[in-house]
Every structure is written in C-alpha cells, then in structure tokens.
Amino acid sequence: MQRRAFLQTLAAAGAAASSTAAASPLPIRLGFDTYSLRAFQWKGVELIDYAVAQGLDTIQFSSLDDFASLEPAYLKQVKDHAQRSGIAIDGGTGCICAVSKSWTEKLGTPELQITKGLEAAHHVGATSMRCYMGSSDDRQSPDQLERCMDATIQVFRKMRTRAQDLNVKIAIENHAGDMTARETLTVIEQAGKEFVASCLDTGNPMWVMENPLTTMEVLGPHVVTTHVRDSAVFETPTGAAAQWVALGDGVVDLPRVVALHRELCPQASLQLEIITGRPPRQLPYFQQEYWRNFAHMPAQDFARFVALAKSGHPFLGTMVIMDAPGEKNAVFTAALKEQQRVDLERSFQYAKRVLGVGARPRA
C-alpha cells in the first residue's frame, strides 16, 4: 500500500509539473531596432553593449550603416561579441525596390542591396534580414503601388537561391504607409513564403488606416522579426489622426498584440522601434479624394480602424517635436537625442513589467 501511495503521489507531482510547464509559455525575446537610437550614431559592439545594459535578449541591426564595416572579419567580431553577451541578432537593410520613390541610385541595384544585407546578416549570425519596399508616396497614383509590388516580387524571386544558401529569410516590413497587411502578404506569398517573411511593424499600419491587431492576425504566421511601438489615435473633423508614442502612451491593445505574438510567431523577437518626436499624421478619410489611395481597402478592416480611433484620444504628455519649423540649435538637438533614449528605456520597462516580455531574469 505504501508503494502504491508513493507511485500515486509521484504521478500526481509529475502531472502538476506538466500542467505548470504548459501554463508557462516560453518567454518572448525582447530587444530593439537600432533606428530607435539613430541620433547616438553607435555602431555594432556599442549597440550590443547597450542591449546588455538594458537587460535585453536581442537586437535588430535594421541598416547596414549600423556597422563600422561590412568586411567579414569585422562582422565576425560583432557576432562573437553578441554570442559572448547572450544577445541574438536580427539583420536588416533599407529599400530594395528600384521602382519606389524611396529608391536612390547610389544603392546600385536591388539585387546588390539585398545581397549585401543577406551576407551581412549571415556573417553576424542572423537568420532574418529586414528590408522594405517604399513609403506612402508609392500610393499616390493608381498604378504606382502595383508596379512597386510587382518589382519587389520579381527581385525577391531572383534572390531565392542566395537567401536559402545563406539560411537567411528576407523579412519585408510593412513600411511607412506603403502597404497594408494584406498587400504585404501578397508579396510574401507570390515571391515565395519559404524564404520571404514579415518584419511586422505595429506603428506603420496607422498610415494605411489599419488596426495593428488586423496586421498581427494577417501576417502573424509569417513573422520572423518585428518593430513594435504604440500609437495615439483619435478622431478629427476630417477623419482621424495618429501619432507614434512610447509603449503605454497610446491606445493600441498591446496585451492582445503580445498574445497574438505568442500564438502566431513565438519564435520571433519582439523588437521595440520607438519613434517619438513626430506630429500626428492626418488621415482624412471623410474626403473622397483620399480614397483613391485605398481603392481595395476591405470594409471590415477600415471599420476596425475607425473603432480604434473612436476609442482613442490625443497624446497629452510632453514631447519635443523634431519636425518643428525653423533652425534647430544645439540644445534642441540634444533634447531630441535624449528623448529617443528616455522613451525607448521606459518602453523596455513597460514591455517587461506590464506585458511580461523578455527572457532574461528581471532585476
């Protein structure tokens, strides 16, 4: 009888342990996109050391300019330093669409730009490379967006072999109002989802009248890296306006964003890209001409965004606005720089304490 009771107790303890493990999902790795601290002009190792000091798990080098050199020997030093520091790296580059108004000839060719990005990502140990197609300027004519999407699909297809040989996925960002989530998904699927994925941004959906929850639901299964920030969204006489803010200062349902992240892309890093200092962006959807840029917007997606705007309010805190007119003196520039750091670091704290994100033990 004693042996039977012991075995029953052991089985019960094992079941309880399994239940606890099931109730405690693997933590989401927390990091940041280097654009968040662009005014500091740090490179490679400096940025990794900052991530360590902030108790982070990962970092996204979203631009090749974040490295002091693209020489393999230097990039190996960055990789080795990150590994010693316990920091995982996501790679990145910029515009890869020669048809986009964001493209500049100094980049060479899209194929060259993607090749540089893939190789740099590989050398630093990353398995994803963020890039983007264009911006809201590419929605200003009826066929410009379609041309950009077609060109992006074609150049990605050309890069399939190189990406797969290097074991680096091309992660296209829904960037600066260039594409909705459904349009981004079209590019991913038509190019080849076995090597093209999503760098999901939660701030840029505002520029295409999209609730970030819609973005997560549509792109979530394809996400390999992210840009996460909050937004203040509110109604105006002509429609709505949206302003990017630090985590917790806006109206985005961040707990639900994190829940969807756990469900749909738990392996992806949650990289904060905090961009403050910009005025609200106007979204005049009551004006008929505005809709020429969104002829294929699904009604349910727009309705969900309108509901978000109705629930929101303007940001009532303090903020230094970088787009303010006039010459910017040294004091003003220093304030903008410090604002980048402060807003990023308080967003780290919000992510850890309120959203429960991060793999490193909390102090």
Protein backbone atom coordinates (compact mmCIF):
# COMPACT_ATOMS: atom_id res chain seq x y z
CA MET A 1 0.00 0.00 0.00
CA GLN A 2 2.80 2.40 0.86
CA ARG A 3 4.45 1.72 -2.51
CA ARG A 4 1.15 2.29 -4.32
CA ALA A 5 0.59 5.57 -2.48
CA PHE A 6 4.13 6.66 -3.31
CA LEU A 7 3.61 5.94 -7.01
CA GLN A 8 0.31 7.81 -6.99
CA THR A 9 1.96 10.80 -5.34
CA LEU A 10 4.80 10.69 -7.86
CA ALA A 11 2.34 10.57 -10.75
CA ALA A 12 0.37 13.47 -9.33
CA ALA A 13 3.53 15.53 -8.90
CA GLY A 14 4.53 14.78 -12.47
CA ALA A 15 1.12 15.84 -13.76
CA ALA A 16 1.28 19.04 -11.74
CA ALA A 17 4.73 19.82 -13.13
CA SER A 18 3.50 19.21 -16.67
CA SER A 19 0.49 21.44 -16.02
CA THR A 20 2.72 24.21 -14.71
CA ALA A 21 5.02 23.93 -17.70
CA ALA A 22 2.07 24.10 -20.06
CA ALA A 23 0.73 27.16 -18.25
CA SER A 24 4.11 28.92 -18.51
CA PRO A 25 4.85 29.50 -22.20
CA LEU A 26 8.36 30.14 -23.37
CA PRO A 27 9.23 33.82 -22.92
CA ILE A 28 9.23 36.16 -25.90
CA ARG A 29 12.69 37.58 -26.52
CA LEU A 30 12.80 41.36 -26.08
CA GLY A 31 15.06 43.71 -27.99
CA PHE A 32 15.11 46.89 -30.05
CA ASP A 33 15.59 48.14 -33.58
CA THR A 34 18.69 50.32 -33.80
CA TYR A 35 16.73 53.10 -35.56
CA SER A 36 15.27 53.89 -32.14
CA LEU A 37 18.64 55.39 -31.13
CA ARG A 38 19.67 56.83 -34.50
CA ALA A 39 20.85 60.15 -33.02
CA PHE A 40 23.55 58.39 -30.99
CA GLN A 41 25.28 57.06 -34.14
CA TRP A 42 26.54 53.98 -32.29
CA LYS A 43 27.90 51.04 -34.23
CA GLY A 44 27.99 47.25 -33.80
CA VAL A 45 29.55 46.45 -30.43
CA GLU A 46 28.35 49.70 -28.81
CA LEU A 47 24.75 48.82 -29.64
CA ILE A 48 25.17 45.28 -28.31
CA ASP A 49 26.63 46.61 -25.06
CA TYR A 50 23.63 48.91 -24.70
CA ALA A 51 21.29 45.94 -25.18
CA VAL A 52 23.13 44.06 -22.42
CA ALA A 53 22.95 47.05 -20.07
CA GLN A 54 19.18 47.20 -20.61
CA GLY A 55 18.73 43.51 -19.81
CA LEU A 56 17.61 42.59 -23.34
CA ASP A 57 17.78 39.36 -25.29
CA THR A 58 18.16 40.53 -28.86
CA ILE A 59 18.78 43.43 -31.23
CA GLN A 60 17.86 44.25 -34.82
CA PHE A 61 20.53 45.97 -36.89
CA SER A 62 17.98 47.41 -39.31
CA SER A 63 20.52 49.23 -41.50
CA LEU A 64 23.91 48.31 -42.91
CA ASP A 65 25.05 51.71 -41.63
CA ASP A 66 24.83 50.27 -38.10
CA PHE A 67 28.12 48.51 -38.76
CA ALA A 68 31.51 50.22 -38.90
CA SER A 69 32.43 47.95 -41.81
CA LEU A 70 30.92 45.19 -43.94
CA GLU A 71 34.19 43.25 -44.02
CA PRO A 72 33.64 39.65 -42.89
CA ALA A 73 36.36 39.88 -40.23
CA TYR A 74 34.69 42.87 -38.57
CA LEU A 75 31.23 41.31 -38.78
CA LYS A 76 32.61 38.15 -37.14
CA GLN A 77 33.82 40.29 -34.24
CA VAL A 78 30.28 41.66 -33.87
CA LYS A 79 28.87 38.13 -34.00
CA ASP A 80 31.34 36.82 -31.42
CA HIS A 81 30.70 39.75 -29.09
CA ALA A 82 26.95 39.20 -29.31
CA GLN A 83 27.32 35.50 -28.57
CA ARG A 84 29.51 36.15 -25.55
CA SER A 85 26.97 38.71 -24.36
CA GLY A 86 23.95 36.44 -24.86
CA ILE A 87 22.37 38.73 -27.47
CA ALA A 88 20.68 37.31 -30.57
CA ILE A 89 20.87 39.37 -33.76
CA ASP A 90 18.32 40.11 -36.50
CA GLY A 91 19.78 41.70 -39.63
CA GLY A 92 18.48 44.43 -41.88
CA THR A 93 18.90 46.80 -44.78
CA GLY A 94 16.76 49.52 -46.41
CA CYS A 95 14.75 50.00 -49.60
CA ILE A 96 15.03 47.18 -52.14
CA CYS A 97 12.58 48.36 -54.83
CA ALA A 98 14.01 50.37 -57.74
CA VAL A 99 10.51 51.47 -58.79
CA SER A 100 9.76 53.03 -55.41
CA LYS A 101 10.13 56.74 -54.80
CA SER A 102 12.26 55.77 -51.78
CA TRP A 103 14.96 54.25 -54.00
CA THR A 104 18.18 56.12 -54.74
CA GLU A 105 20.68 55.24 -57.46
CA LYS A 106 23.58 55.26 -55.00
CA LEU A 107 22.29 51.91 -53.73
CA GLY A 108 23.35 50.28 -57.00
CA THR A 109 20.73 47.66 -57.81
CA PRO A 110 18.10 45.99 -55.64
CA GLU A 111 19.90 42.68 -56.14
CA LEU A 112 23.15 44.21 -54.84
CA GLN A 113 21.39 45.79 -51.87
CA ILE A 114 19.72 42.53 -50.90
CA THR A 115 22.94 40.57 -51.39
CA LYS A 116 24.84 42.92 -49.08
CA GLY A 117 22.10 42.65 -46.48
CA LEU A 118 21.88 38.85 -46.65
CA GLU A 119 25.63 38.42 -46.43
CA ALA A 120 25.98 40.85 -43.51
CA ALA A 121 23.14 39.11 -41.68
CA HIS A 122 24.80 35.73 -42.26
CA HIS A 123 28.18 36.95 -41.01
CA VAL A 124 26.70 38.26 -37.73
CA GLY A 125 24.73 35.07 -37.15
CA ALA A 126 21.26 36.35 -38.04
CA THR A 127 18.62 34.24 -39.75
CA SER A 128 16.47 37.16 -40.93
CA MET A 129 17.11 40.36 -42.87
CA ARG A 130 14.60 43.18 -42.64
CA CYS A 131 14.02 45.35 -45.69
CA TYR A 132 11.24 47.49 -47.12
CA MET A 133 9.60 48.30 -50.44
CA GLY A 134 8.77 52.01 -50.17
CA SER A 135 6.53 54.51 -48.41
CA SER A 136 3.15 56.20 -48.61
CA ASP A 137 4.49 58.19 -51.59
CA ASP A 138 4.06 54.99 -53.59
CA ARG A 139 0.27 55.10 -53.09
CA GLN A 140 -0.20 58.47 -54.76
CA SER A 141 -1.01 57.22 -58.28
CA PRO A 142 -3.39 54.40 -59.24
CA ASP A 143 -0.74 52.06 -60.62
CA GLN A 144 2.39 53.05 -58.68
CA LEU A 145 1.72 50.64 -55.80
CA GLU A 146 1.08 47.75 -58.18
CA ARG A 147 4.32 48.46 -60.06
CA CYS A 148 6.26 48.53 -56.79
CA MET A 149 4.73 45.28 -55.57
CA ASP A 150 5.44 43.54 -58.87
CA ALA A 151 9.04 44.75 -58.92
CA THR A 152 9.56 43.64 -55.32
CA ILE A 153 8.17 40.17 -56.00
CA GLN A 154 10.41 39.79 -59.05
CA VAL A 155 13.60 40.85 -57.27
CA PHE A 156 12.85 38.56 -54.33
CA ARG A 157 12.41 35.63 -56.69
CA LYS A 158 15.83 36.37 -58.17
CA MET A 159 17.35 36.22 -54.69
CA ARG A 160 15.77 32.90 -53.65
CA THR A 161 18.87 30.75 -54.07
CA ARG A 162 21.19 33.20 -52.33
CA ALA A 163 18.86 33.62 -49.36
CA GLN A 164 18.39 29.88 -48.95
CA ASP A 165 22.11 29.14 -49.33
CA LEU A 166 22.85 31.59 -46.51
CA ASN A 167 19.88 30.38 -44.40
CA VAL A 168 18.64 33.96 -44.03
CA LYS A 169 14.99 34.84 -44.59
CA ILE A 170 14.12 38.10 -46.32
CA ALA A 171 11.75 39.89 -43.93
CA ILE A 172 9.77 42.59 -45.69
CA GLU A 173 8.42 45.35 -43.46
CA ASN A 174 5.00 46.97 -43.84
CA HIS A 175 6.76 50.32 -44.02
CA ALA A 176 5.72 53.97 -43.72
CA GLY A 177 2.32 53.54 -45.32
CA ASP A 178 3.50 51.62 -48.39
CA MET A 179 1.34 48.50 -47.93
CA THR A 180 -1.46 47.14 -45.82
CA ALA A 181 -1.03 43.75 -44.16
CA ARG A 182 -2.98 42.02 -46.93
CA GLU A 183 -0.84 43.67 -49.63
CA THR A 184 2.32 42.68 -47.76
CA LEU A 185 1.03 39.11 -47.54
CA THR A 186 0.52 39.11 -51.31
CA VAL A 187 4.19 39.95 -51.82
CA ILE A 188 5.30 37.25 -49.39
CA GLU A 189 3.14 34.54 -50.94
CA GLN A 190 3.83 35.39 -54.57
CA ALA A 191 7.58 35.73 -54.03
CA GLY A 192 7.82 32.51 -52.01
CA LYS A 193 6.97 32.17 -48.33
CA GLU A 194 9.66 29.53 -47.86
CA PHE A 195 12.29 32.29 -47.98
CA VAL A 196 10.33 35.58 -47.70
CA ALA A 197 8.73 36.52 -44.38
CA SER A 198 7.39 39.50 -42.46
CA CYS A 199 9.08 42.15 -40.35
CA LEU A 200 5.83 43.20 -38.72
CA ASP A 201 5.54 46.86 -37.70
CA THR A 202 2.73 47.90 -35.32
CA GLY A 203 3.10 51.65 -35.92
CA ASN A 204 3.01 51.83 -39.71
CA PRO A 205 -0.50 50.31 -40.00
CA MET A 206 -1.83 53.66 -38.76
CA TRP A 207 -0.75 55.29 -42.03
CA VAL A 208 -2.93 52.88 -44.02
CA MET A 209 -5.94 53.06 -41.67
CA GLU A 210 -5.32 49.59 -40.26
CA ASN A 211 -5.69 48.38 -36.68
CA PRO A 212 -2.42 46.67 -35.63
CA LEU A 213 -4.45 43.69 -34.46
CA THR A 214 -5.51 43.15 -38.07
CA THR A 215 -1.85 43.36 -39.07
CA MET A 216 -0.92 40.73 -36.49
CA GLU A 217 -3.72 38.39 -37.48
CA VAL A 218 -2.93 38.58 -41.20
CA LEU A 219 0.87 38.49 -41.07
CA GLY A 220 1.48 36.70 -37.76
CA PRO A 221 2.15 33.22 -39.20
CA HIS A 222 4.86 34.71 -41.44
CA VAL A 223 6.61 36.93 -38.87
CA VAL A 224 10.31 36.37 -38.13
CA THR A 225 11.12 39.78 -36.63
CA THR A 226 9.19 42.87 -35.56
CA HIS A 227 9.02 46.61 -34.95
CA VAL A 228 6.71 47.29 -32.01
CA ARG A 229 5.50 50.68 -30.76
CA ASP A 230 2.33 52.31 -29.51
CA SER A 231 0.20 54.98 -31.20
CA ALA A 232 -2.23 57.65 -30.05
CA VAL A 233 -5.19 57.51 -32.45
CA PHE A 234 -8.17 59.85 -32.33
CA GLU A 235 -10.98 61.27 -34.42
CA THR A 236 -10.74 64.65 -36.20
CA PRO A 237 -13.27 66.66 -38.23
CA THR A 238 -11.87 65.20 -41.47
CA GLY A 239 -11.37 61.62 -40.25
CA ALA A 240 -8.66 60.67 -37.78
CA ALA A 241 -5.06 61.31 -36.81
CA ALA A 242 -2.35 59.06 -35.41
CA GLN A 243 0.87 59.82 -33.55
CA TRP A 244 3.58 57.36 -32.59
CA VAL A 245 4.30 57.26 -28.87
CA ALA A 246 6.17 55.16 -26.30
CA LEU A 247 4.62 51.92 -25.09
CA GLY A 248 1.67 52.58 -22.81
CA ASP A 249 1.09 56.15 -24.01
CA GLY A 250 -1.28 55.18 -26.84
CA VAL A 251 -4.43 53.18 -27.47
CA VAL A 252 -3.10 50.07 -29.22
CA ASP A 253 -4.19 46.88 -27.44
CA LEU A 254 -0.63 45.83 -26.64
CA PRO A 255 -1.58 42.89 -24.38
CA ARG A 256 -3.56 41.44 -27.28
CA VAL A 257 -0.64 42.12 -29.66
CA VAL A 258 1.61 40.12 -27.33
CA ALA A 259 -0.97 37.33 -27.01
CA LEU A 260 -1.16 37.05 -30.80
CA HIS A 261 2.63 37.09 -30.95
CA ARG A 262 2.77 34.13 -28.56
CA GLU A 263 0.15 32.29 -30.58
CA LEU A 264 1.28 33.01 -34.14
CA CYS A 265 5.04 33.74 -34.07
CA PRO A 266 6.52 32.83 -30.66
CA GLN A 267 9.95 32.25 -32.19
CA ALA A 268 10.23 35.86 -33.42
CA SER A 269 11.94 38.56 -31.38
CA LEU A 270 9.81 41.41 -30.13
CA GLN A 271 11.94 44.35 -31.23
CA LEU A 272 10.86 47.76 -29.99
CA GLU A 273 11.14 50.53 -32.57
CA ILE A 274 10.16 53.59 -30.59
CA ILE A 275 9.79 56.67 -32.79
CA THR A 276 8.64 59.78 -30.96
CA GLY A 277 9.08 63.45 -31.78
CA ARG A 278 6.81 63.47 -34.80
CA PRO A 279 3.48 65.31 -35.04
CA PRO A 280 0.20 63.43 -35.59
CA ARG A 281 -0.37 62.15 -39.12
CA GLN A 282 -3.67 63.22 -40.62
CA LEU A 283 -5.91 60.52 -42.12
CA PRO A 284 -8.72 62.49 -43.84
CA TYR A 285 -10.93 59.57 -44.79
CA PHE A 286 -14.04 61.77 -44.94
CA GLN A 287 -12.53 63.39 -48.04
CA GLN A 288 -13.40 61.48 -51.21
CA GLU A 289 -10.07 62.08 -52.96
CA TYR A 290 -8.21 60.40 -50.10
CA TRP A 291 -9.75 57.06 -51.07
CA ARG A 292 -8.01 56.92 -54.44
CA ASN A 293 -5.03 55.60 -52.45
CA PHE A 294 -7.11 52.84 -50.83
CA ALA A 295 -9.43 51.57 -53.55
CA HIS A 296 -9.13 47.97 -52.35
CA MET A 297 -9.43 48.53 -48.60
CA PRO A 298 -11.75 45.84 -47.12
CA ALA A 299 -14.69 47.41 -45.31
CA GLN A 300 -14.18 45.27 -42.21
CA ASP A 301 -10.55 46.40 -41.88
CA PHE A 302 -11.49 50.07 -42.18
CA ALA A 303 -14.35 49.67 -39.69
CA ARG A 304 -11.97 48.14 -37.17
CA PHE A 305 -9.63 51.10 -37.51
CA VAL A 306 -12.49 53.59 -37.11
CA ALA A 307 -13.49 51.81 -33.91
CA LEU A 308 -9.91 52.23 -32.65
CA ALA A 309 -9.98 55.96 -33.47
CA LYS A 310 -13.32 56.38 -31.70
CA SER A 311 -11.88 54.77 -28.57
CA GLY A 312 -8.76 56.92 -28.58
CA HIS A 313 -7.59 60.39 -27.68
CA PRO A 314 -4.66 62.71 -28.48
CA PHE A 315 -1.38 62.24 -26.64
CA LEU A 316 -1.49 64.63 -23.69
CA GLY A 317 2.06 64.20 -22.45
CA THR A 318 5.15 66.23 -23.26
CA MET A 319 7.17 65.67 -26.43
CA VAL A 320 9.88 67.50 -28.33
CA ILE A 321 8.81 67.60 -32.00
CA MET A 322 11.67 67.08 -34.46
CA ASP A 323 9.63 68.34 -37.40
CA ALA A 324 9.13 71.77 -35.82
CA PRO A 325 9.86 74.61 -38.27
CA GLY A 326 12.93 76.79 -38.04
CA GLU A 327 16.61 76.21 -37.35
CA LYS A 328 17.35 73.70 -34.58
CA ASN A 329 20.04 74.79 -32.16
CA ALA A 330 22.32 72.51 -30.13
CA VAL A 331 20.02 72.46 -27.10
CA PHE A 332 17.03 71.43 -29.21
CA THR A 333 19.05 68.70 -30.95
CA ALA A 334 20.35 67.39 -27.62
CA ALA A 335 16.80 67.24 -26.27
CA LEU A 336 15.63 65.19 -29.26
CA LYS A 337 18.54 62.81 -28.77
CA GLU A 338 17.80 62.34 -25.08
CA GLN A 339 14.11 61.84 -25.82
CA GLN A 340 15.00 58.86 -28.02
CA ARG A 341 16.81 57.19 -25.12
CA VAL A 342 14.24 58.04 -22.45
CA ASP A 343 11.22 56.90 -24.48
CA LEU A 344 12.95 53.69 -25.52
CA GLU A 345 14.01 52.80 -21.99
CA ARG A 346 10.63 53.46 -20.43
CA SER A 347 9.15 51.31 -23.19
CA PHE A 348 11.52 48.50 -22.18
CA GLN A 349 10.19 48.74 -18.64
CA TYR A 350 6.58 48.70 -19.84
CA ALA A 351 7.25 45.66 -22.01
CA LYS A 352 8.84 43.77 -19.14
CA ARG A 353 6.58 44.76 -16.26
CA VAL A 354 3.19 45.19 -17.91
CA LEU A 355 3.39 42.94 -20.97
CA GLY A 356 5.58 40.24 -19.45
CA VAL A 357 8.01 40.17 -22.36
CA GLY A 358 11.68 39.29 -22.10
CA ALA A 359 13.67 36.12 -21.44
CA ARG A 360 16.36 37.47 -19.11
CA PRO A 361 15.65 37.39 -15.36
CA ARG A 362 14.25 40.71 -14.15
CA ALA A 363 16.17 42.66 -11.55
